[in-house]
Amino acid sequence: MIYNVVFSDRSRKELEESWAWYEERQYGLGDRFSEAVINVIEQIETDPDKGLSRNTRFREAIVKTFPFLVIYRVDKQDKVIFIHSIFHSNRNPRGKYKV
């Protein structure tokens, strides 16, 4: 069963800023980053329990090739996945779940 995906303002901003950062370093790298994130989100859509449960509210899925995690929560009743953060794994982990 496929779930609907909703991005928080925070996750949308993190995705845009990270895309821009990678694109400044090398043309096309931002697009490869976005594709890697989208790939993870598509996997989560079909299997929301795929990510590791690190917190009572959130799950984490690793973005391949890039040092990022997709932080999300699942509403199984309404079939919605809320993308909370596209989190750079080198950042302070205390900010990972801040709302």
PDB file of N, CA and C in Angstrom:
ATOM      1  N   MET A   1       0.838  -1.176   0.000  1.00  0.00           N
ATOM      2  CA  MET A   1       0.000   0.000   0.000  1.00  0.00           C
ATOM      3  C   MET A   1       0.885   1.241   0.000  1.00  0.00           C
ATOM      4  N   ILE A   2       0.615   2.153  -0.893  1.00  0.00           N
ATOM      5  CA  ILE A   2       1.399   3.379  -0.993  1.00  0.00           C
ATOM      6  C   ILE A   2       0.750   4.468  -0.139  1.00  0.00           C
ATOM      7  N   TYR A   3       1.587   5.173   0.574  1.00  0.00           N
ATOM      8  CA  TYR A   3       1.158   6.259   1.443  1.00  0.00           C
ATOM      9  C   TYR A   3       1.337   7.598   0.734  1.00  0.00           C
ATOM     10  N   ASN A   4       0.587   8.596   1.160  1.00  0.00           N
ATOM     11  CA  ASN A   4       0.806   9.968   0.696  1.00  0.00           C
ATOM     12  C   ASN A   4       1.966  10.556   1.484  1.00  0.00           C
ATOM     13  N   VAL A   5       2.723  11.428   0.852  1.00  0.00           N
ATOM     14  CA  VAL A   5       3.887  12.040   1.497  1.00  0.00           C
ATOM     15  C   VAL A   5       3.646  13.539   1.639  1.00  0.00           C
ATOM     16  N   VAL A   6       3.912  14.046   2.853  1.00  0.00           N
ATOM     17  CA  VAL A   6       3.786  15.472   3.141  1.00  0.00           C
ATOM     18  C   VAL A   6       5.128  15.953   3.685  1.00  0.00           C
ATOM     19  N   PHE A   7       5.667  17.016   3.094  1.00  0.00           N
ATOM     20  CA  PHE A   7       6.939  17.591   3.535  1.00  0.00           C
ATOM     21  C   PHE A   7       6.682  18.738   4.502  1.00  0.00           C
ATOM     22  N   SER A   8       7.435  18.767   5.587  1.00  0.00           N
ATOM     23  CA  SER A   8       7.392  19.926   6.487  1.00  0.00           C
ATOM     24  C   SER A   8       8.124  21.080   5.811  1.00  0.00           C
ATOM     25  N   ASP A   9       7.873  22.290   6.292  1.00  0.00           N
ATOM     26  CA  ASP A   9       8.608  23.447   5.767  1.00  0.00           C
ATOM     27  C   ASP A   9      10.107  23.256   5.977  1.00  0.00           C
ATOM     28  N   ARG A  10      10.456  22.707   7.146  1.00  0.00           N
ATOM     29  CA  ARG A  10      11.868  22.467   7.465  1.00  0.00           C
ATOM     30  C   ARG A  10      12.504  21.524   6.444  1.00  0.00           C
ATOM     31  N   SER A  11      11.845  20.414   6.158  1.00  0.00           N
ATOM     32  CA  SER A  11      12.439  19.433   5.238  1.00  0.00           C
ATOM     33  C   SER A  11      12.554  19.993   3.829  1.00  0.00           C
ATOM     34  N   ARG A  12      11.568  20.760   3.421  1.00  0.00           N
ATOM     35  CA  ARG A  12      11.607  21.374   2.091  1.00  0.00           C
ATOM     36  C   ARG A  12      12.791  22.337   1.991  1.00  0.00           C
ATOM     37  N   LYS A  13      12.986  23.152   3.044  1.00  0.00           N
ATOM     38  CA  LYS A  13      14.096  24.107   3.064  1.00  0.00           C
ATOM     39  C   LYS A  13      15.440  23.376   3.061  1.00  0.00           C
ATOM     40  N   GLU A  14      15.560  22.322   3.875  1.00  0.00           N
ATOM     41  CA  GLU A  14      16.813  21.560   3.930  1.00  0.00           C
ATOM     42  C   GLU A  14      17.129  20.921   2.584  1.00  0.00           C
ATOM     43  N   LEU A  15      16.111  20.401   1.916  1.00  0.00           N
ATOM     44  CA  LEU A  15      16.315  19.784   0.608  1.00  0.00           C
ATOM     45  C   LEU A  15      16.789  20.823  -0.408  1.00  0.00           C
ATOM     46  N   GLU A  16      16.143  21.972  -0.429  1.00  0.00           N
ATOM     47  CA  GLU A  16      16.526  23.028  -1.376  1.00  0.00           C
ATOM     48  C   GLU A  16      17.938  23.546  -1.110  1.00  0.00           C
ATOM     49  N   GLU A  17      18.251  23.789   0.160  1.00  0.00           N
ATOM     50  CA  GLU A  17      19.581  24.307   0.500  1.00  0.00           C
ATOM     51  C   GLU A  17      20.676  23.288   0.203  1.00  0.00           C
ATOM     52  N   SER A  18      20.404  22.029   0.486  1.00  0.00           N
ATOM     53  CA  SER A  18      21.403  20.983   0.224  1.00  0.00           C
ATOM     54  C   SER A  18      21.600  20.796  -1.271  1.00  0.00           C
ATOM     55  N   TRP A  19      20.500  20.831  -2.030  1.00  0.00           N
ATOM     56  CA  TRP A  19      20.604  20.738  -3.483  1.00  0.00           C
ATOM     57  C   TRP A  19      21.506  21.862  -4.001  1.00  0.00           C
ATOM     58  N   ALA A  20      21.252  23.096  -3.536  1.00  0.00           N
ATOM     59  CA  ALA A  20      22.032  24.250  -4.000  1.00  0.00           C
ATOM     60  C   ALA A  20      23.509  24.100  -3.631  1.00  0.00           C
ATOM     61  N   TRP A  21      23.786  23.618  -2.429  1.00  0.00           N
ATOM     62  CA  TRP A  21      25.169  23.445  -1.985  1.00  0.00           C
ATOM     63  C   TRP A  21      25.901  22.459  -2.892  1.00  0.00           C
ATOM     64  N   TYR A  22      25.281  21.314  -3.153  1.00  0.00           N
ATOM     65  CA  TYR A  22      25.919  20.316  -4.020  1.00  0.00           C
ATOM     66  C   TYR A  22      26.048  20.829  -5.452  1.00  0.00           C
ATOM     67  N   GLU A  23      25.042  21.534  -5.936  1.00  0.00           N
ATOM     68  CA  GLU A  23      25.068  22.037  -7.307  1.00  0.00           C
ATOM     69  C   GLU A  23      26.173  23.078  -7.490  1.00  0.00           C
ATOM     70  N   GLU A  24      26.451  23.875  -6.442  1.00  0.00           N
ATOM     71  CA  GLU A  24      27.549  24.847  -6.506  1.00  0.00           C
ATOM     72  C   GLU A  24      28.900  24.153  -6.613  1.00  0.00           C
ATOM     73  N   ARG A  25      29.006  22.995  -5.993  1.00  0.00           N
ATOM     74  CA  ARG A  25      30.276  22.267  -6.018  1.00  0.00           C
ATOM     75  C   ARG A  25      30.522  21.612  -7.366  1.00  0.00           C
ATOM     76  N   GLN A  26      29.463  21.063  -7.951  1.00  0.00           N
ATOM     77  CA  GLN A  26      29.611  20.388  -9.242  1.00  0.00           C
ATOM     78  C   GLN A  26      28.262  20.366  -9.945  1.00  0.00           C
ATOM     79  N   TYR A  27      28.245  20.819 -11.189  1.00  0.00           N
ATOM     80  CA  TYR A  27      27.011  20.827 -11.967  1.00  0.00           C
ATOM     81  C   TYR A  27      26.441  19.406 -12.047  1.00  0.00           C
ATOM     82  N   GLY A  28      25.168  19.264 -11.707  1.00  0.00           N
ATOM     83  CA  GLY A  28      24.494  17.966 -11.767  1.00  0.00           C
ATOM     84  C   GLY A  28      24.521  17.200 -10.459  1.00  0.00           C
ATOM     85  N   LEU A  29      25.423  17.569  -9.559  1.00  0.00           N
ATOM     86  CA  LEU A  29      25.519  16.857  -8.282  1.00  0.00           C
ATOM     87  C   LEU A  29      24.291  17.123  -7.412  1.00  0.00           C
ATOM     88  N   GLY A  30      23.747  18.322  -7.499  1.00  0.00           N
ATOM     89  CA  GLY A  30      22.520  18.627  -6.768  1.00  0.00           C
ATOM     90  C   GLY A  30      21.373  17.744  -7.219  1.00  0.00           C
ATOM     91  N   ASP A  31      21.297  17.516  -8.538  1.00  0.00           N
ATOM     92  CA  ASP A  31      20.251  16.637  -9.065  1.00  0.00           C
ATOM     93  C   ASP A  31      20.451  15.198  -8.605  1.00  0.00           C
ATOM     94  N   ARG A  32      21.696  14.752  -8.560  1.00  0.00           N
ATOM     95  CA  ARG A  32      21.960  13.387  -8.072  1.00  0.00           C
ATOM     96  C   ARG A  32      21.569  13.259  -6.608  1.00  0.00           C
ATOM     97  N   PHE A  33      21.832  14.308  -5.830  1.00  0.00           N
ATOM     98  CA  PHE A  33      21.427  14.318  -4.431  1.00  0.00           C
ATOM     99  C   PHE A  33      19.900  14.217  -4.319  1.00  0.00           C
ATOM    100  N   SER A  34      19.192  15.057  -5.062  1.00  0.00           N
ATOM    101  CA  SER A  34      17.723  15.036  -5.022  1.00  0.00           C
ATOM    102  C   SER A  34      17.172  13.677  -5.427  1.00  0.00           C
ATOM    103  N   GLU A  35      17.752  13.076  -6.451  1.00  0.00           N
ATOM    104  CA  GLU A  35      17.310  11.750  -6.892  1.00  0.00           C
ATOM    105  C   GLU A  35      17.520  10.708  -5.800  1.00  0.00           C
ATOM    106  N   ALA A  36      18.636  10.795  -5.079  1.00  0.00           N
ATOM    107  CA  ALA A  36      18.903   9.848  -3.991  1.00  0.00           C
ATOM    108  C   ALA A  36      17.877  10.005  -2.874  1.00  0.00           C
ATOM    109  N   VAL A  37      17.524  11.248  -2.554  1.00  0.00           N
ATOM    110  CA  VAL A  37      16.514  11.497  -1.518  1.00  0.00           C
ATOM    111  C   VAL A  37      15.154  10.986  -1.985  1.00  0.00           C
ATOM    112  N   ILE A  38      14.786  11.274  -3.219  1.00  0.00           N
ATOM    113  CA  ILE A  38      13.503  10.821  -3.759  1.00  0.00           C
ATOM    114  C   ILE A  38      13.436   9.301  -3.766  1.00  0.00           C
ATOM    115  N   ASN A  39      14.532   8.642  -4.097  1.00  0.00           N
ATOM    116  CA  ASN A  39      14.572   7.184  -4.097  1.00  0.00           C
ATOM    117  C   ASN A  39      14.242   6.628  -2.711  1.00  0.00           C
ATOM    118  N   VAL A  40      14.829   7.219  -1.681  1.00  0.00           N
ATOM    119  CA  VAL A  40      14.560   6.777  -0.306  1.00  0.00           C
ATOM    120  C   VAL A  40      13.096   7.010   0.041  1.00  0.00           C
ATOM    121  N   ILE A  41      12.574   8.165  -0.320  1.00  0.00           N
ATOM    122  CA  ILE A  41      11.180   8.480   0.003  1.00  0.00           C
ATOM    123  C   ILE A  41      10.229   7.530  -0.719  1.00  0.00           C
ATOM    124  N   GLU A  42      10.533   7.176  -1.957  1.00  0.00           N
ATOM    125  CA  GLU A  42       9.701   6.208  -2.679  1.00  0.00           C
ATOM    126  C   GLU A  42       9.719   4.848  -1.995  1.00  0.00           C
ATOM    127  N   GLN A  43      10.860   4.450  -1.466  1.00  0.00           N
ATOM    128  CA  GLN A  43      10.935   3.193  -0.723  1.00  0.00           C
ATOM    129  C   GLN A  43      10.104   3.267   0.552  1.00  0.00           C
ATOM    130  N   ILE A  44      10.155   4.408   1.227  1.00  0.00           N
ATOM    131  CA  ILE A  44       9.374   4.598   2.449  1.00  0.00           C
ATOM    132  C   ILE A  44       7.876   4.563   2.132  1.00  0.00           C
ATOM    133  N   GLU A  45       7.479   5.134   0.992  1.00  0.00           N
ATOM    134  CA  GLU A  45       6.063   5.140   0.597  1.00  0.00           C
ATOM    135  C   GLU A  45       5.490   3.732   0.528  1.00  0.00           C
ATOM    136  N   THR A  46       6.264   2.814   0.008  1.00  0.00           N
ATOM    137  CA  THR A  46       5.771   1.447  -0.148  1.00  0.00           C
ATOM    138  C   THR A  46       5.994   0.588   1.086  1.00  0.00           C
ATOM    139  N   ASP A  47       6.955   0.972   1.927  1.00  0.00           N
ATOM    140  CA  ASP A  47       7.240   0.223   3.157  1.00  0.00           C
ATOM    141  C   ASP A  47       7.624   1.204   4.266  1.00  0.00           C
ATOM    142  N   PRO A  48       6.625   1.817   4.921  1.00  0.00           N
ATOM    143  CA  PRO A  48       6.910   2.853   5.916  1.00  0.00           C
ATOM    144  C   PRO A  48       7.715   2.372   7.119  1.00  0.00           C
ATOM    145  N   ASP A  49       7.714   1.085   7.379  1.00  0.00           N
ATOM    146  CA  ASP A  49       8.475   0.554   8.512  1.00  0.00           C
ATOM    147  C   ASP A  49       9.930   0.282   8.154  1.00  0.00           C
ATOM    148  N   LYS A  50      10.315   0.616   6.934  1.00  0.00           N
ATOM    149  CA  LYS A  50      11.675   0.364   6.453  1.00  0.00           C
ATOM    150  C   LYS A  50      12.733   1.079   7.298  1.00  0.00           C
ATOM    151  N   GLY A  51      12.466   2.316   7.652  1.00  0.00           N
ATOM    152  CA  GLY A  51      13.441   3.101   8.407  1.00  0.00           C
ATOM    153  C   GLY A  51      13.568   2.628   9.837  1.00  0.00           C
ATOM    154  N   LEU A  52      14.709   2.929  10.419  1.00  0.00           N
ATOM    155  CA  LEU A  52      14.953   2.555  11.809  1.00  0.00           C
ATOM    156  C   LEU A  52      14.161   3.449  12.746  1.00  0.00           C
ATOM    157  N   SER A  53      13.612   2.846  13.776  1.00  0.00           N
ATOM    158  CA  SER A  53      12.893   3.603  14.791  1.00  0.00           C
ATOM    159  C   SER A  53      13.892   4.024  15.858  1.00  0.00           C
ATOM    160  N   ARG A  54      14.259   5.299  15.864  1.00  0.00           N
ATOM    161  CA  ARG A  54      15.261   5.815  16.796  1.00  0.00           C
ATOM    162  C   ARG A  54      14.625   6.663  17.895  1.00  0.00           C
ATOM    163  N   ASN A  55      13.343   6.867  17.778  1.00  0.00           N
ATOM    164  CA  ASN A  55      12.641   7.794  18.639  1.00  0.00           C
ATOM    165  C   ASN A  55      11.194   7.318  18.680  1.00  0.00           C
ATOM    166  N   THR A  56      10.463   7.661  19.708  1.00  0.00           N
ATOM    167  CA  THR A  56       9.084   7.188  19.798  1.00  0.00           C
ATOM    168  C   THR A  56       8.190   7.763  18.712  1.00  0.00           C
ATOM    169  N   ARG A  57       8.540   8.918  18.171  1.00  0.00           N
ATOM    170  CA  ARG A  57       7.709   9.550  17.141  1.00  0.00           C
ATOM    171  C   ARG A  57       8.250   9.401  15.725  1.00  0.00           C
ATOM    172  N   PHE A  58       9.555   9.275  15.581  1.00  0.00           N
ATOM    173  CA  PHE A  58      10.163   9.358  14.257  1.00  0.00           C
ATOM    174  C   PHE A  58      10.930   8.094  13.871  1.00  0.00           C
ATOM    175  N   ARG A  59      11.070   7.939  12.558  1.00  0.00           N
ATOM    176  CA  ARG A  59      11.905   6.888  11.984  1.00  0.00           C
ATOM    177  C   ARG A  59      12.964   7.574  11.121  1.00  0.00           C
ATOM    178  N   GLU A  60      14.042   6.841  10.799  1.00  0.00           N
ATOM    179  CA  GLU A  60      15.136   7.376   9.989  1.00  0.00           C
ATOM    180  C   GLU A  60      15.453   6.415   8.853  1.00  0.00           C
ATOM    181  N   ALA A  61      15.671   6.976   7.674  1.00  0.00           N
ATOM    182  CA  ALA A  61      16.107   6.186   6.524  1.00  0.00           C
ATOM    183  C   ALA A  61      17.361   6.836   5.952  1.00  0.00           C
ATOM    184  N   ILE A  62      18.331   6.022   5.622  1.00  0.00           N
ATOM    185  CA  ILE A  62      19.626   6.500   5.129  1.00  0.00           C
ATOM    186  C   ILE A  62      19.543   6.812   3.637  1.00  0.00           C
ATOM    187  N   VAL A  63      20.109   7.958   3.256  1.00  0.00           N
ATOM    188  CA  VAL A  63      20.224   8.337   1.849  1.00  0.00           C
ATOM    189  C   VAL A  63      21.557   7.792   1.351  1.00  0.00           C
ATOM    190  N   LYS A  64      21.508   6.918   0.358  1.00  0.00           N
ATOM    191  CA  LYS A  64      22.736   6.313  -0.165  1.00  0.00           C
ATOM    192  C   LYS A  64      23.612   7.357  -0.846  1.00  0.00           C
ATOM    193  N   THR A  65      24.912   7.203  -0.674  1.00  0.00           N
ATOM    194  CA  THR A  65      25.959   8.010  -1.299  1.00  0.00           C
ATOM    195  C   THR A  65      26.152   9.375  -0.642  1.00  0.00           C
ATOM    196  N   PHE A  66      25.145   9.899   0.015  1.00  0.00           N
ATOM    197  CA  PHE A  66      25.222  11.223   0.630  1.00  0.00           C
ATOM    198  C   PHE A  66      25.043  11.086   2.142  1.00  0.00           C
ATOM    199  N   PRO A  67      25.675  11.975   2.930  1.00  0.00           N
ATOM    200  CA  PRO A  67      25.613  11.858   4.397  1.00  0.00           C
ATOM    201  C   PRO A  67      24.325  12.455   4.981  1.00  0.00           C
ATOM    202  N   PHE A  68      23.196  11.930   4.544  1.00  0.00           N
ATOM    203  CA  PHE A  68      21.902  12.456   4.976  1.00  0.00           C
ATOM    204  C   PHE A  68      20.982  11.339   5.437  1.00  0.00           C
ATOM    205  N   LEU A  69      20.050  11.743   6.302  1.00  0.00           N
ATOM    206  CA  LEU A  69      18.981  10.863   6.765  1.00  0.00           C
ATOM    207  C   LEU A  69      17.650  11.535   6.447  1.00  0.00           C
ATOM    208  N   VAL A  70      16.672  10.730   6.067  1.00  0.00           N
ATOM    209  CA  VAL A  70      15.307  11.231   5.959  1.00  0.00           C
ATOM    210  C   VAL A  70      14.633  10.891   7.282  1.00  0.00           C
ATOM    211  N   ILE A  71      14.228  11.927   8.017  1.00  0.00           N
ATOM    212  CA  ILE A  71      13.562  11.758   9.305  1.00  0.00           C
ATOM    213  C   ILE A  71      12.065  11.907   9.041  1.00  0.00           C
ATOM    214  N   TYR A  72      11.292  10.901   9.434  1.00  0.00           N
ATOM    215  CA  TYR A  72       9.869  10.925   9.108  1.00  0.00           C
ATOM    216  C   TYR A  72       9.037  10.246  10.188  1.00  0.00           C
ATOM    217  N   ARG A  73       7.741  10.500  10.130  1.00  0.00           N
ATOM    218  CA  ARG A  73       6.805   9.779  10.987  1.00  0.00           C
ATOM    219  C   ARG A  73       5.657   9.294  10.122  1.00  0.00           C
ATOM    220  N   VAL A  74       4.992   8.265  10.603  1.00  0.00           N
ATOM    221  CA  VAL A  74       3.963   7.600   9.817  1.00  0.00           C
ATOM    222  C   VAL A  74       2.629   7.678  10.540  1.00  0.00           C
ATOM    223  N   ASP A  75       1.594   8.041   9.797  1.00  0.00           N
ATOM    224  CA  ASP A  75       0.220   7.964  10.288  1.00  0.00           C
ATOM    225  C   ASP A  75      -0.438   6.835   9.503  1.00  0.00           C
ATOM    226  N   LYS A  76      -0.446   5.645  10.095  1.00  0.00           N
ATOM    227  CA  LYS A  76      -0.954   4.472   9.383  1.00  0.00           C
ATOM    228  C   LYS A  76      -2.460   4.542   9.165  1.00  0.00           C
ATOM    229  N   GLN A  77      -3.153   5.189  10.069  1.00  0.00           N
ATOM    230  CA  GLN A  77      -4.602   5.290   9.935  1.00  0.00           C
ATOM    231  C   GLN A  77      -4.989   6.094   8.692  1.00  0.00           C
ATOM    232  N   ASP A  78      -4.347   7.246   8.502  1.00  0.00           N
ATOM    233  CA  ASP A  78      -4.651   8.103   7.356  1.00  0.00           C
ATOM    234  C   ASP A  78      -3.759   7.830   6.151  1.00  0.00           C
ATOM    235  N   LYS A  79      -2.817   6.891   6.289  1.00  0.00           N
ATOM    236  CA  LYS A  79      -1.896   6.524   5.204  1.00  0.00           C
ATOM    237  C   LYS A  79      -1.077   7.728   4.730  1.00  0.00           C
ATOM    238  N   VAL A  80      -0.465   8.416   5.709  1.00  0.00           N
ATOM    239  CA  VAL A  80       0.337   9.598   5.404  1.00  0.00           C
ATOM    240  C   VAL A  80       1.719   9.447   6.028  1.00  0.00           C
ATOM    241  N   ILE A  81       2.727   9.826   5.269  1.00  0.00           N
ATOM    242  CA  ILE A  81       4.098   9.897   5.767  1.00  0.00           C
ATOM    243  C   ILE A  81       4.471  11.376   5.819  1.00  0.00           C
ATOM    244  N   PHE A  82       4.857  11.838   6.998  1.00  0.00           N
ATOM    245  CA  PHE A  82       5.279  13.221   7.192  1.00  0.00           C
ATOM    246  C   PHE A  82       6.802  13.261   7.201  1.00  0.00           C
ATOM    247  N   ILE A  83       7.382  13.918   6.210  1.00  0.00           N
ATOM    248  CA  ILE A  83       8.834  14.077   6.161  1.00  0.00           C
ATOM    249  C   ILE A  83       9.179  15.265   7.057  1.00  0.00           C
ATOM    250  N   HIS A  84       9.828  14.967   8.167  1.00  0.00           N
ATOM    251  CA  HIS A  84      10.156  15.987   9.162  1.00  0.00           C
ATOM    252  C   HIS A  84      11.454  16.720   8.806  1.00  0.00           C
ATOM    253  N   SER A  85      12.460  15.970   8.333  1.00  0.00           N
ATOM    254  CA  SER A  85      13.761  16.582   8.089  1.00  0.00           C
ATOM    255  C   SER A  85      14.551  15.779   7.060  1.00  0.00           C
ATOM    256  N   ILE A  86      15.343  16.488   6.266  1.00  0.00           N
ATOM    257  CA  ILE A  86      16.379  15.884   5.426  1.00  0.00           C
ATOM    258  C   ILE A  86      17.664  16.277   6.149  1.00  0.00           C
ATOM    259  N   PHE A  87      18.112  15.422   7.046  1.00  0.00           N
ATOM    260  CA  PHE A  87      19.095  15.774   8.064  1.00  0.00           C
ATOM    261  C   PHE A  87      20.503  15.354   7.663  1.00  0.00           C
ATOM    262  N   HIS A  88      21.433  16.319   7.675  1.00  0.00           N
ATOM    263  CA  HIS A  88      22.840  16.023   7.400  1.00  0.00           C
ATOM    264  C   HIS A  88      23.414  15.308   8.618  1.00  0.00           C
ATOM    265  N   SER A  89      23.989  14.151   8.418  1.00  0.00           N
ATOM    266  CA  SER A  89      24.424  13.311   9.540  1.00  0.00           C
ATOM    267  C   SER A  89      25.623  13.874  10.307  1.00  0.00           C
ATOM    268  N   ASN A  90      26.280  14.910   9.784  1.00  0.00           N
ATOM    269  CA  ASN A  90      27.381  15.532  10.516  1.00  0.00           C
ATOM    270  C   ASN A  90      26.926  16.673  11.424  1.00  0.00           C
ATOM    271  N   ARG A  91      25.647  16.990  11.382  1.00  0.00           N
ATOM    272  CA  ARG A  91      25.113  18.032  12.265  1.00  0.00           C
ATOM    273  C   ARG A  91      24.922  17.479  13.665  1.00  0.00           C
ATOM    274  N   ASN A  92      24.712  18.386  14.600  1.00  0.00           N
ATOM    275  CA  ASN A  92      24.458  17.993  15.981  1.00  0.00           C
ATOM    276  C   ASN A  92      23.171  17.164  16.036  1.00  0.00           C
ATOM    277  N   PRO A  93      23.252  15.914  16.490  1.00  0.00           N
ATOM    278  CA  PRO A  93      22.071  15.051  16.491  1.00  0.00           C
ATOM    279  C   PRO A  93      20.943  15.536  17.398  1.00  0.00           C
ATOM    280  N   ARG A  94      21.229  16.438  18.310  1.00  0.00           N
ATOM    281  CA  ARG A  94      20.163  16.962  19.176  1.00  0.00           C
ATOM    282  C   ARG A  94      19.097  17.707  18.377  1.00  0.00           C
ATOM    283  N   GLY A  95      19.471  18.263  17.238  1.00  0.00           N
ATOM    284  CA  GLY A  95      18.518  19.014  16.423  1.00  0.00           C
ATOM    285  C   GLY A  95      17.711  18.156  15.472  1.00  0.00           C
ATOM    286  N   LYS A  96      18.003  16.886  15.459  1.00  0.00           N
ATOM    287  CA  LYS A  96      17.390  15.980  14.495  1.00  0.00           C
ATOM    288  C   LYS A  96      15.866  15.944  14.585  1.00  0.00           C
ATOM    289  N   TYR A  97      15.339  15.944  15.799  1.00  0.00           N
ATOM    290  CA  TYR A  97      13.895  15.770  15.979  1.00  0.00           C
ATOM    291  C   TYR A  97      13.171  17.044  16.386  1.00  0.00           C
ATOM    292  N   LYS A  98      13.885  18.159  16.446  1.00  0.00           N
ATOM    293  CA  LYS A  98      13.231  19.409  16.851  1.00  0.00           C
ATOM    294  C   LYS A  98      12.129  19.769  15.877  1.00  0.00           C
ATOM    295  N   VAL A  99      11.049  20.225  16.441  1.00  0.00           N
ATOM    296  CA  VAL A  99       9.884  20.576  15.618  1.00  0.00           C
ATOM    297  C   VAL A  99       9.880  22.036  15.281  1.00  0.00           C
TER     298      VAL A  99
END
